[in-house]
Amino acid sequence: MKTSEATIVMVPGYTNSGEDHWQTRWQNKLKTAIRVEQDDWYKPVVEDWTSSFIETIRKAGNPVVIVAHSLGCQVVVQGAMQFDDLLKQKVRGAFLVAPPDVENPNIKPKHLMTFGPYPREPMPFPSVVIASRNDPFCNYQIADDMAASWGSLMIDAGEQQHINGKSGHGPWPEGLMVFSKFLSRLKA
């Protein structure tokens, strides 16, 4: 599949993805990319965020490939569990980067725990999880368990922190190469 054959749906996490974030940079370069918008980026409510995500997928005109970061990964997984048959067919794959451990009682801010427990069923489409070994929001073994539960291919990013702008992943060309390879294996 090529980017021109799909709507690339960006699903940011808590506080959205700023201008220096790889997700925003990719969205600005990919002509078919759109972003899931949330009413309040600082007070995430699982029902509201998944509803916005599902509605964005429903409105997309082409087959969809999802690119999620952080809490956006949990939104994708929880939203996918609510998909009807039409949406399951519409989504061709999901690229999930740095999912947080929403079951960790020490997670900050605490209201991120309202997105837990994370679903442990396989997703209805191919997916990849990229996780860092020193992500402050998720222990690598927990991320590996999530990927296994969701039926996702797990990619070890090494020690990359939270894989965002603050960790030096502005343009993140390595991630874009992995995404391109993932995209090339999906059916249009």
N, C-alpha and C. Protein backbone atom coordinates (compact mmCIF):
# COMPACT_ATOMS: atom_id res chain seq x y z
N MET A 1 0.84 -1.18 0.00
CA MET A 1 0.00 0.00 0.00
C MET A 1 0.89 1.24 0.00
N LYS A 2 0.43 2.27 -0.68
CA LYS A 2 1.12 3.56 -0.71
C LYS A 2 0.33 4.57 0.11
N THR A 3 0.99 5.62 0.56
CA THR A 3 0.29 6.63 1.35
C THR A 3 -0.84 7.26 0.53
N SER A 4 -0.67 7.36 -0.79
CA SER A 4 -1.71 7.96 -1.62
C SER A 4 -2.97 7.11 -1.69
N GLU A 5 -2.88 5.84 -1.31
CA GLU A 5 -4.02 4.93 -1.35
C GLU A 5 -4.76 4.85 -0.01
N ALA A 6 -4.27 5.58 0.99
CA ALA A 6 -4.85 5.48 2.32
C ALA A 6 -5.00 6.84 2.97
N THR A 7 -5.92 6.90 3.92
CA THR A 7 -5.97 8.04 4.81
C THR A 7 -5.13 7.64 6.02
N ILE A 8 -4.09 8.42 6.30
CA ILE A 8 -3.21 8.17 7.44
C ILE A 8 -3.80 8.94 8.61
N VAL A 9 -4.29 8.22 9.61
CA VAL A 9 -4.96 8.85 10.75
C VAL A 9 -3.99 8.93 11.93
N MET A 10 -3.59 10.15 12.27
CA MET A 10 -2.70 10.39 13.41
C MET A 10 -3.53 10.45 14.69
N VAL A 11 -3.10 9.68 15.67
CA VAL A 11 -3.81 9.65 16.96
C VAL A 11 -2.81 10.04 18.05
N PRO A 12 -2.75 11.33 18.40
CA PRO A 12 -1.83 11.78 19.43
C PRO A 12 -2.27 11.34 20.83
N GLY A 13 -1.36 11.48 21.75
CA GLY A 13 -1.65 11.15 23.14
C GLY A 13 -1.97 12.38 23.96
N TYR A 14 -1.83 12.22 25.26
CA TYR A 14 -2.08 13.27 26.25
C TYR A 14 -1.33 14.54 25.87
N THR A 15 -1.99 15.66 25.86
CA THR A 15 -1.53 17.02 25.52
C THR A 15 -1.29 17.25 24.02
N ASN A 16 -1.63 16.26 23.17
CA ASN A 16 -1.46 16.39 21.72
C ASN A 16 0.02 16.31 21.36
N SER A 17 0.33 16.30 20.10
CA SER A 17 1.71 16.27 19.62
C SER A 17 2.06 17.65 19.10
N GLY A 18 3.06 18.27 19.72
CA GLY A 18 3.45 19.63 19.34
C GLY A 18 4.19 19.70 18.01
N GLU A 19 4.60 20.91 17.65
CA GLU A 19 5.24 21.16 16.35
C GLU A 19 6.54 20.38 16.17
N ASP A 20 7.28 20.12 17.27
CA ASP A 20 8.55 19.40 17.17
C ASP A 20 8.39 17.89 17.21
N HIS A 21 7.20 17.42 17.42
CA HIS A 21 6.93 15.99 17.55
C HIS A 21 6.95 15.33 16.17
N TRP A 22 7.51 14.14 16.09
CA TRP A 22 7.57 13.41 14.82
C TRP A 22 6.19 13.23 14.20
N GLN A 23 5.16 13.04 15.03
CA GLN A 23 3.82 12.80 14.51
C GLN A 23 3.31 14.02 13.72
N THR A 24 3.55 15.20 14.25
CA THR A 24 3.14 16.43 13.56
C THR A 24 3.96 16.62 12.29
N ARG A 25 5.24 16.37 12.38
CA ARG A 25 6.10 16.51 11.19
C ARG A 25 5.68 15.54 10.09
N TRP A 26 5.38 14.30 10.46
CA TRP A 26 4.92 13.32 9.45
C TRP A 26 3.60 13.78 8.85
N GLN A 27 2.69 14.25 9.70
CA GLN A 27 1.39 14.68 9.21
C GLN A 27 1.56 15.82 8.20
N ASN A 28 2.48 16.74 8.47
CA ASN A 28 2.71 17.87 7.56
C ASN A 28 3.29 17.43 6.23
N LYS A 29 4.01 16.30 6.21
CA LYS A 29 4.62 15.81 4.97
C LYS A 29 3.73 14.86 4.18
N LEU A 30 2.85 14.16 4.87
CA LEU A 30 2.00 13.17 4.20
C LEU A 30 0.68 13.83 3.78
N LYS A 31 0.46 13.93 2.49
CA LYS A 31 -0.70 14.65 1.96
C LYS A 31 -2.04 14.05 2.38
N THR A 32 -2.08 12.76 2.65
CA THR A 32 -3.34 12.11 2.99
C THR A 32 -3.52 11.95 4.51
N ALA A 33 -2.67 12.60 5.29
CA ALA A 33 -2.75 12.46 6.75
C ALA A 33 -3.75 13.43 7.36
N ILE A 34 -4.49 12.92 8.34
CA ILE A 34 -5.40 13.74 9.14
C ILE A 34 -5.15 13.41 10.62
N ARG A 35 -5.66 14.23 11.49
CA ARG A 35 -5.45 14.03 12.93
C ARG A 35 -6.78 13.89 13.65
N VAL A 36 -6.82 12.97 14.58
CA VAL A 36 -7.97 12.87 15.48
C VAL A 36 -7.88 14.07 16.42
N GLU A 37 -8.95 14.84 16.48
CA GLU A 37 -8.99 16.00 17.38
C GLU A 37 -9.80 15.65 18.63
N GLN A 38 -9.34 16.15 19.75
CA GLN A 38 -10.03 15.93 21.03
C GLN A 38 -10.50 17.27 21.58
N ASP A 39 -11.62 17.28 22.29
CA ASP A 39 -12.13 18.52 22.87
C ASP A 39 -11.21 19.06 23.95
N ASP A 40 -10.60 18.18 24.73
CA ASP A 40 -9.71 18.61 25.80
C ASP A 40 -8.49 17.69 25.82
N TRP A 41 -7.36 18.21 25.37
CA TRP A 41 -6.13 17.44 25.30
C TRP A 41 -5.50 17.24 26.68
N TYR A 42 -5.96 17.98 27.69
CA TYR A 42 -5.34 17.92 29.02
C TYR A 42 -6.17 17.16 30.06
N LYS A 43 -7.39 16.82 29.72
CA LYS A 43 -8.23 16.01 30.60
C LYS A 43 -8.87 14.90 29.77
N PRO A 44 -8.08 13.88 29.45
CA PRO A 44 -8.62 12.82 28.60
C PRO A 44 -9.69 11.99 29.30
N VAL A 45 -10.77 11.76 28.59
CA VAL A 45 -11.86 10.91 29.06
C VAL A 45 -11.98 9.79 28.03
N VAL A 46 -11.83 8.56 28.48
CA VAL A 46 -11.73 7.42 27.56
C VAL A 46 -12.92 7.35 26.60
N GLU A 47 -14.12 7.54 27.08
CA GLU A 47 -15.30 7.45 26.20
C GLU A 47 -15.28 8.56 25.15
N ASP A 48 -14.91 9.77 25.53
CA ASP A 48 -14.87 10.89 24.59
C ASP A 48 -13.76 10.70 23.56
N TRP A 49 -12.59 10.29 24.03
CA TRP A 49 -11.46 10.13 23.12
C TRP A 49 -11.68 8.98 22.14
N THR A 50 -12.21 7.87 22.60
CA THR A 50 -12.46 6.76 21.68
C THR A 50 -13.57 7.12 20.70
N SER A 51 -14.56 7.85 21.16
CA SER A 51 -15.65 8.28 20.29
C SER A 51 -15.12 9.19 19.16
N SER A 52 -14.24 10.14 19.50
CA SER A 52 -13.64 11.02 18.48
C SER A 52 -12.82 10.21 17.49
N PHE A 53 -12.09 9.23 18.00
CA PHE A 53 -11.28 8.36 17.15
C PHE A 53 -12.16 7.58 16.18
N ILE A 54 -13.19 6.94 16.69
CA ILE A 54 -14.09 6.13 15.86
C ILE A 54 -14.77 7.00 14.80
N GLU A 55 -15.20 8.18 15.18
CA GLU A 55 -15.85 9.09 14.23
C GLU A 55 -14.89 9.52 13.12
N THR A 56 -13.63 9.77 13.47
CA THR A 56 -12.63 10.14 12.46
C THR A 56 -12.42 9.00 11.47
N ILE A 57 -12.34 7.78 11.97
CA ILE A 57 -12.19 6.61 11.09
C ILE A 57 -13.42 6.48 10.19
N ARG A 58 -14.60 6.64 10.76
CA ARG A 58 -15.84 6.50 10.01
C ARG A 58 -15.91 7.51 8.85
N LYS A 59 -15.43 8.74 9.07
CA LYS A 59 -15.50 9.80 8.07
C LYS A 59 -14.42 9.70 6.99
N ALA A 60 -13.36 8.97 7.25
CA ALA A 60 -12.25 8.86 6.29
C ALA A 60 -12.76 8.23 5.00
N GLY A 61 -12.37 8.80 3.87
CA GLY A 61 -12.87 8.33 2.58
C GLY A 61 -12.15 7.12 2.03
N ASN A 62 -10.92 6.93 2.37
CA ASN A 62 -10.10 5.83 1.84
C ASN A 62 -9.90 4.77 2.92
N PRO A 63 -9.25 3.66 2.54
CA PRO A 63 -8.81 2.74 3.59
C PRO A 63 -7.90 3.51 4.56
N VAL A 64 -7.87 3.08 5.80
CA VAL A 64 -7.19 3.83 6.86
C VAL A 64 -5.98 3.06 7.38
N VAL A 65 -4.90 3.81 7.60
CA VAL A 65 -3.74 3.31 8.35
C VAL A 65 -3.55 4.27 9.51
N ILE A 66 -3.47 3.71 10.71
CA ILE A 66 -3.41 4.50 11.94
C ILE A 66 -1.96 4.65 12.40
N VAL A 67 -1.62 5.86 12.84
CA VAL A 67 -0.31 6.13 13.45
C VAL A 67 -0.59 6.78 14.80
N ALA A 68 -0.34 6.02 15.88
CA ALA A 68 -0.67 6.50 17.23
C ALA A 68 0.58 6.62 18.08
N HIS A 69 0.54 7.57 19.00
CA HIS A 69 1.63 7.75 19.97
C HIS A 69 1.05 7.81 21.37
N SER A 70 1.75 7.17 22.31
CA SER A 70 1.47 7.25 23.73
C SER A 70 0.02 6.89 24.04
N LEU A 71 -0.70 7.76 24.74
CA LEU A 71 -2.08 7.46 25.11
C LEU A 71 -2.95 7.21 23.88
N GLY A 72 -2.55 7.77 22.74
CA GLY A 72 -3.25 7.50 21.49
C GLY A 72 -3.29 6.02 21.16
N CYS A 73 -2.25 5.27 21.57
CA CYS A 73 -2.23 3.82 21.35
C CYS A 73 -3.37 3.15 22.11
N GLN A 74 -3.58 3.58 23.35
CA GLN A 74 -4.66 3.00 24.15
C GLN A 74 -6.02 3.38 23.57
N VAL A 75 -6.12 4.58 23.02
CA VAL A 75 -7.36 5.01 22.36
C VAL A 75 -7.65 4.10 21.17
N VAL A 76 -6.63 3.81 20.38
CA VAL A 76 -6.79 2.95 19.21
C VAL A 76 -7.25 1.55 19.62
N VAL A 77 -6.58 0.97 20.59
CA VAL A 77 -6.91 -0.39 20.99
C VAL A 77 -8.31 -0.46 21.59
N GLN A 78 -8.65 0.49 22.45
CA GLN A 78 -10.00 0.48 23.04
C GLN A 78 -11.06 0.78 21.99
N GLY A 79 -10.76 1.70 21.07
CA GLY A 79 -11.70 2.00 20.00
C GLY A 79 -11.90 0.82 19.06
N ALA A 80 -10.82 0.12 18.74
CA ALA A 80 -10.90 -1.03 17.83
C ALA A 80 -11.79 -2.13 18.39
N MET A 81 -11.85 -2.24 19.71
CA MET A 81 -12.72 -3.26 20.32
C MET A 81 -14.20 -2.93 20.14
N GLN A 82 -14.49 -1.68 19.74
CA GLN A 82 -15.88 -1.24 19.51
C GLN A 82 -16.23 -1.17 18.03
N PHE A 83 -15.30 -1.48 17.13
CA PHE A 83 -15.53 -1.37 15.70
C PHE A 83 -16.63 -2.32 15.23
N ASP A 84 -17.46 -1.83 14.32
CA ASP A 84 -18.39 -2.72 13.63
C ASP A 84 -17.63 -3.35 12.45
N ASP A 85 -18.28 -4.23 11.72
CA ASP A 85 -17.62 -4.94 10.62
C ASP A 85 -17.09 -3.99 9.55
N LEU A 86 -17.82 -2.92 9.25
CA LEU A 86 -17.40 -1.95 8.24
C LEU A 86 -16.08 -1.29 8.63
N LEU A 87 -15.96 -0.86 9.89
CA LEU A 87 -14.72 -0.22 10.34
C LEU A 87 -13.56 -1.21 10.40
N LYS A 88 -13.84 -2.45 10.77
CA LYS A 88 -12.79 -3.48 10.80
C LYS A 88 -12.21 -3.67 9.40
N GLN A 89 -13.06 -3.59 8.38
CA GLN A 89 -12.59 -3.74 7.00
C GLN A 89 -11.87 -2.48 6.51
N LYS A 90 -12.28 -1.33 7.01
CA LYS A 90 -11.73 -0.05 6.55
C LYS A 90 -10.30 0.17 7.03
N VAL A 91 -10.00 -0.26 8.26
CA VAL A 91 -8.66 -0.07 8.82
C VAL A 91 -7.76 -1.18 8.33
N ARG A 92 -6.67 -0.79 7.69
CA ARG A 92 -5.73 -1.77 7.13
C ARG A 92 -4.59 -2.11 8.09
N GLY A 93 -4.30 -1.20 9.04
CA GLY A 93 -3.23 -1.46 9.99
C GLY A 93 -3.03 -0.32 10.95
N ALA A 94 -2.27 -0.60 12.03
CA ALA A 94 -1.98 0.42 13.04
C ALA A 94 -0.51 0.36 13.43
N PHE A 95 0.10 1.52 13.50
CA PHE A 95 1.49 1.72 13.87
C PHE A 95 1.46 2.41 15.23
N LEU A 96 1.78 1.66 16.29
CA LEU A 96 1.58 2.12 17.67
C LEU A 96 2.94 2.37 18.33
N VAL A 97 3.19 3.60 18.73
CA VAL A 97 4.49 3.98 19.27
C VAL A 97 4.38 4.41 20.73
N ALA A 98 5.19 3.78 21.57
CA ALA A 98 5.33 4.13 22.99
C ALA A 98 4.01 4.09 23.77
N PRO A 99 3.32 2.95 23.75
CA PRO A 99 2.07 2.88 24.54
C PRO A 99 2.38 2.99 26.04
N PRO A 100 1.60 3.76 26.77
CA PRO A 100 1.83 3.88 28.21
C PRO A 100 1.17 2.74 28.98
N ASP A 101 1.69 2.49 30.15
CA ASP A 101 1.11 1.47 31.04
C ASP A 101 0.00 2.13 31.85
N VAL A 102 -1.21 2.04 31.36
CA VAL A 102 -2.35 2.70 32.01
C VAL A 102 -2.86 1.92 33.22
N GLU A 103 -2.19 0.82 33.55
CA GLU A 103 -2.53 0.07 34.76
C GLU A 103 -1.56 0.37 35.90
N ASN A 104 -0.54 1.15 35.63
CA ASN A 104 0.48 1.48 36.64
C ASN A 104 -0.09 2.51 37.61
N PRO A 105 -0.22 2.17 38.90
CA PRO A 105 -0.78 3.12 39.87
C PRO A 105 0.10 4.35 40.09
N ASN A 106 1.35 4.31 39.63
CA ASN A 106 2.25 5.45 39.79
C ASN A 106 2.31 6.36 38.57
N ILE A 107 1.49 6.06 37.54
CA ILE A 107 1.53 6.87 36.32
C ILE A 107 1.10 8.31 36.65
N LYS A 108 1.73 9.25 35.99
CA LYS A 108 1.39 10.66 36.14
C LYS A 108 0.99 11.19 34.77
N PRO A 109 -0.04 11.96 34.68
CA PRO A 109 -1.04 12.25 35.70
C PRO A 109 -1.94 11.04 35.95
N LYS A 110 -2.49 10.99 37.13
CA LYS A 110 -3.28 9.84 37.58
C LYS A 110 -4.48 9.54 36.69
N HIS A 111 -5.08 10.56 36.10
CA HIS A 111 -6.29 10.30 35.32
C HIS A 111 -6.02 9.48 34.05
N LEU A 112 -4.76 9.24 33.72
CA LEU A 112 -4.46 8.35 32.59
C LEU A 112 -4.84 6.91 32.92
N MET A 113 -4.91 6.60 34.22
CA MET A 113 -5.32 5.25 34.63
C MET A 113 -6.76 4.95 34.24
N THR A 114 -7.56 5.98 33.97
CA THR A 114 -8.95 5.74 33.57
C THR A 114 -9.02 5.02 32.22
N PHE A 115 -7.89 4.97 31.49
CA PHE A 115 -7.83 4.26 30.21
C PHE A 115 -7.48 2.78 30.41
N GLY A 116 -7.28 2.38 31.66
CA GLY A 116 -6.97 0.98 31.96
C GLY A 116 -8.19 0.29 32.51
N PRO A 117 -8.12 -1.01 32.63
CA PRO A 117 -7.01 -1.83 32.15
C PRO A 117 -7.02 -1.89 30.62
N TYR A 118 -5.84 -2.10 30.06
CA TYR A 118 -5.78 -2.15 28.61
C TYR A 118 -6.37 -3.47 28.10
N PRO A 119 -7.05 -3.42 26.95
CA PRO A 119 -7.63 -4.65 26.39
C PRO A 119 -6.55 -5.68 26.10
N ARG A 120 -6.91 -6.93 26.26
CA ARG A 120 -5.97 -8.02 26.03
C ARG A 120 -6.45 -8.95 24.91
N GLU A 121 -7.24 -8.42 24.01
CA GLU A 121 -7.71 -9.19 22.86
C GLU A 121 -6.93 -8.74 21.62
N PRO A 122 -6.76 -9.66 20.65
CA PRO A 122 -6.10 -9.28 19.40
C PRO A 122 -6.91 -8.22 18.65
N MET A 123 -6.20 -7.31 18.01
CA MET A 123 -6.87 -6.30 17.21
C MET A 123 -7.32 -6.91 15.89
N PRO A 124 -8.34 -6.33 15.28
CA PRO A 124 -8.89 -6.91 14.05
C PRO A 124 -8.13 -6.52 12.78
N PHE A 125 -6.91 -6.02 12.91
CA PHE A 125 -6.10 -5.62 11.76
C PHE A 125 -4.62 -5.75 12.15
N PRO A 126 -3.73 -5.81 11.17
CA PRO A 126 -2.30 -5.91 11.48
C PRO A 126 -1.81 -4.68 12.25
N SER A 127 -0.85 -4.91 13.14
CA SER A 127 -0.33 -3.80 13.92
C SER A 127 1.12 -4.04 14.32
N VAL A 128 1.79 -2.94 14.59
CA VAL A 128 3.17 -2.93 15.05
C VAL A 128 3.21 -2.08 16.30
N VAL A 129 3.93 -2.53 17.32
CA VAL A 129 4.18 -1.73 18.52
C VAL A 129 5.68 -1.46 18.56
N ILE A 130 6.04 -0.18 18.70
CA ILE A 130 7.43 0.21 18.88
C ILE A 130 7.56 0.73 20.31
N ALA A 131 8.47 0.13 21.07
CA ALA A 131 8.63 0.52 22.48
C ALA A 131 10.11 0.71 22.81
N SER A 132 10.33 1.61 23.73
CA SER A 132 11.67 1.93 24.22
C SER A 132 11.94 1.17 25.51
N ARG A 133 13.18 0.81 25.72
CA ARG A 133 13.56 0.08 26.94
C ARG A 133 13.66 0.98 28.17
N ASN A 134 13.66 2.29 27.99
CA ASN A 134 13.72 3.19 29.14
C ASN A 134 12.62 4.26 29.09
N ASP A 135 11.47 3.88 28.57
CA ASP A 135 10.33 4.79 28.52
C ASP A 135 9.82 5.00 29.94
N PRO A 136 9.77 6.25 30.42
CA PRO A 136 9.31 6.49 31.79
C PRO A 136 7.82 6.20 31.99
N PHE A 137 7.07 6.02 30.91
CA PHE A 137 5.64 5.77 31.02
C PHE A 137 5.26 4.30 30.85
N CYS A 138 6.25 3.45 30.56
CA CYS A 138 5.92 2.03 30.41
C CYS A 138 7.18 1.18 30.44
N ASN A 139 7.20 0.22 31.33
CA ASN A 139 8.26 -0.76 31.38
C ASN A 139 8.23 -1.58 30.08
N TYR A 140 9.40 -1.88 29.54
CA TYR A 140 9.47 -2.59 28.27
C TYR A 140 8.73 -3.92 28.31
N GLN A 141 8.82 -4.66 29.40
CA GLN A 141 8.15 -5.96 29.49
C GLN A 141 6.63 -5.81 29.43
N ILE A 142 6.12 -4.72 29.99
CA ILE A 142 4.67 -4.45 29.93
C ILE A 142 4.29 -4.15 28.47
N ALA A 143 5.10 -3.33 27.80
CA ALA A 143 4.83 -3.02 26.39
C ALA A 143 4.86 -4.30 25.55
N ASP A 144 5.80 -5.17 25.85
CA ASP A 144 5.89 -6.44 25.12
C ASP A 144 4.64 -7.30 25.36
N ASP A 145 4.14 -7.29 26.60
CA ASP A 145 2.91 -8.01 26.92
C ASP A 145 1.71 -7.42 26.17
N MET A 146 1.65 -6.09 26.10
CA MET A 146 0.57 -5.45 25.35
C MET A 146 0.62 -5.89 23.89
N ALA A 147 1.80 -5.82 23.29
CA ALA A 147 1.94 -6.18 21.88
C ALA A 147 1.51 -7.63 21.65
N ALA A 148 1.92 -8.52 22.53
CA ALA A 148 1.54 -9.93 22.39
C ALA A 148 0.03 -10.10 22.52
N SER A 149 -0.58 -9.41 23.48
CA SER A 149 -2.04 -9.49 23.67
C SER A 149 -2.79 -8.99 22.45
N TRP A 150 -2.28 -7.94 21.83
CA TRP A 150 -2.96 -7.33 20.70
C TRP A 150 -2.65 -8.02 19.37
N GLY A 151 -1.74 -9.00 19.38
CA GLY A 151 -1.34 -9.67 18.15
C GLY A 151 -0.43 -8.82 17.29
N SER A 152 0.28 -7.88 17.93
CA SER A 152 1.14 -6.93 17.22
C SER A 152 2.57 -7.44 17.10
N LEU A 153 3.23 -7.04 16.04
CA LEU A 153 4.66 -7.25 15.92
C LEU A 153 5.32 -6.26 16.87
N MET A 154 6.23 -6.73 17.73
CA MET A 154 6.93 -5.86 18.67
C MET A 154 8.29 -5.48 18.10
N ILE A 155 8.57 -4.19 18.11
CA ILE A 155 9.87 -3.69 17.66
C ILE A 155 10.55 -2.99 18.84
N ASP A 156 11.73 -3.46 19.17
CA ASP A 156 12.54 -2.92 20.26
C ASP A 156 13.28 -1.69 19.75
N ALA A 157 12.96 -0.53 20.29
CA ALA A 157 13.60 0.72 19.87
C ALA A 157 14.90 1.00 20.62
N GLY A 158 15.27 0.12 21.55
CA GLY A 158 16.46 0.39 22.36
C GLY A 158 16.11 1.40 23.43
N GLU A 159 17.08 2.16 23.87
CA GLU A 159 16.85 3.18 24.91
C GLU A 159 16.59 4.52 24.25
N GLN A 160 15.33 4.83 24.06
CA GLN A 160 14.91 6.03 23.33
C GLN A 160 13.94 6.92 24.12
N GLN A 161 13.82 6.67 25.42
CA GLN A 161 12.88 7.41 26.27
C GLN A 161 11.45 7.23 25.74
N HIS A 162 10.67 8.31 25.62
CA HIS A 162 9.25 8.21 25.24
C HIS A 162 9.01 8.40 23.74
N ILE A 163 10.08 8.44 22.97
CA ILE A 163 10.01 8.58 21.50
C ILE A 163 9.10 9.75 21.11
N ASN A 164 9.48 10.92 21.59
CA ASN A 164 8.74 12.15 21.29
C ASN A 164 9.74 13.29 21.05
N GLY A 165 9.24 14.50 20.92
CA GLY A 165 10.11 15.64 20.69
C GLY A 165 11.11 15.87 21.81
N LYS A 166 10.68 15.67 23.05
CA LYS A 166 11.57 15.88 24.21
C LYS A 166 12.72 14.89 24.23
N SER A 167 12.52 13.71 23.67
CA SER A 167 13.59 12.70 23.66
C SER A 167 14.46 12.80 22.40
N GLY A 168 14.27 13.87 21.62
CA GLY A 168 15.09 14.08 20.43
C GLY A 168 14.56 13.43 19.17
N HIS A 169 13.29 13.04 19.19
CA HIS A 169 12.70 12.39 18.02
C HIS A 169 11.81 13.36 17.26
N GLY A 170 12.40 14.45 16.82
CA GLY A 170 11.66 15.42 16.02
C GLY A 170 11.21 14.81 14.71
N PRO A 171 12.09 14.76 13.70
CA PRO A 171 11.67 14.15 12.44
C PRO A 171 11.61 12.62 12.49
N TRP A 172 12.39 11.99 13.32
CA TRP A 172 12.45 10.54 13.52
C TRP A 172 12.47 9.77 12.20
N PRO A 173 13.54 9.94 11.41
CA PRO A 173 13.61 9.25 10.11
C PRO A 173 13.63 7.73 10.22
N GLU A 174 14.22 7.19 11.31
CA GLU A 174 14.24 5.73 11.48
C GLU A 174 12.81 5.19 11.63
N GLY A 175 12.00 5.91 12.37
CA GLY A 175 10.60 5.51 12.53
C GLY A 175 9.84 5.56 11.22
N LEU A 176 10.13 6.59 10.43
CA LEU A 176 9.46 6.74 9.13
C LEU A 176 9.83 5.58 8.20
N MET A 177 11.09 5.13 8.28
CA MET A 177 11.50 3.98 7.46
C MET A 177 10.74 2.72 7.88
N VAL A 178 10.60 2.51 9.19
CA VAL A 178 9.86 1.34 9.68
C VAL A 178 8.39 1.45 9.27
N PHE A 179 7.81 2.65 9.39
CA PHE A 179 6.43 2.86 8.98
C PHE A 179 6.26 2.57 7.49
N SER A 180 7.19 3.04 6.66
CA SER A 180 7.11 2.79 5.21
C SER A 180 7.13 1.31 4.89
N LYS A 181 7.99 0.57 5.58
CA LYS A 181 8.05 -0.88 5.36
C LYS A 181 6.73 -1.55 5.79
N PHE A 182 6.21 -1.14 6.95
CA PHE A 182 4.93 -1.66 7.44
C PHE A 182 3.83 -1.37 6.41
N LEU A 183 3.76 -0.13 5.95
CA LEU A 183 2.76 0.29 4.98
C LEU A 183 2.85 -0.53 3.68
N SER A 184 4.06 -0.81 3.25
CA SER A 184 4.26 -1.56 1.99
C SER A 184 3.72 -2.98 2.07
N ARG A 185 3.54 -3.50 3.27
CA ARG A 185 3.05 -4.87 3.43
C ARG A 185 1.53 -4.96 3.61
N LEU A 186 0.88 -3.81 3.66
CA LEU A 186 -0.57 -3.79 3.83
C LEU A 186 -1.27 -3.82 2.48
N LYS A 187 -2.46 -4.40 2.45
CA LYS A 187 -3.24 -4.48 1.23
C LYS A 187 -4.06 -3.22 1.05
N ALA A 188 -4.07 -2.70 -0.16
CA ALA A 188 -4.83 -1.49 -0.47
C ALA A 188 -6.32 -1.76 -0.43
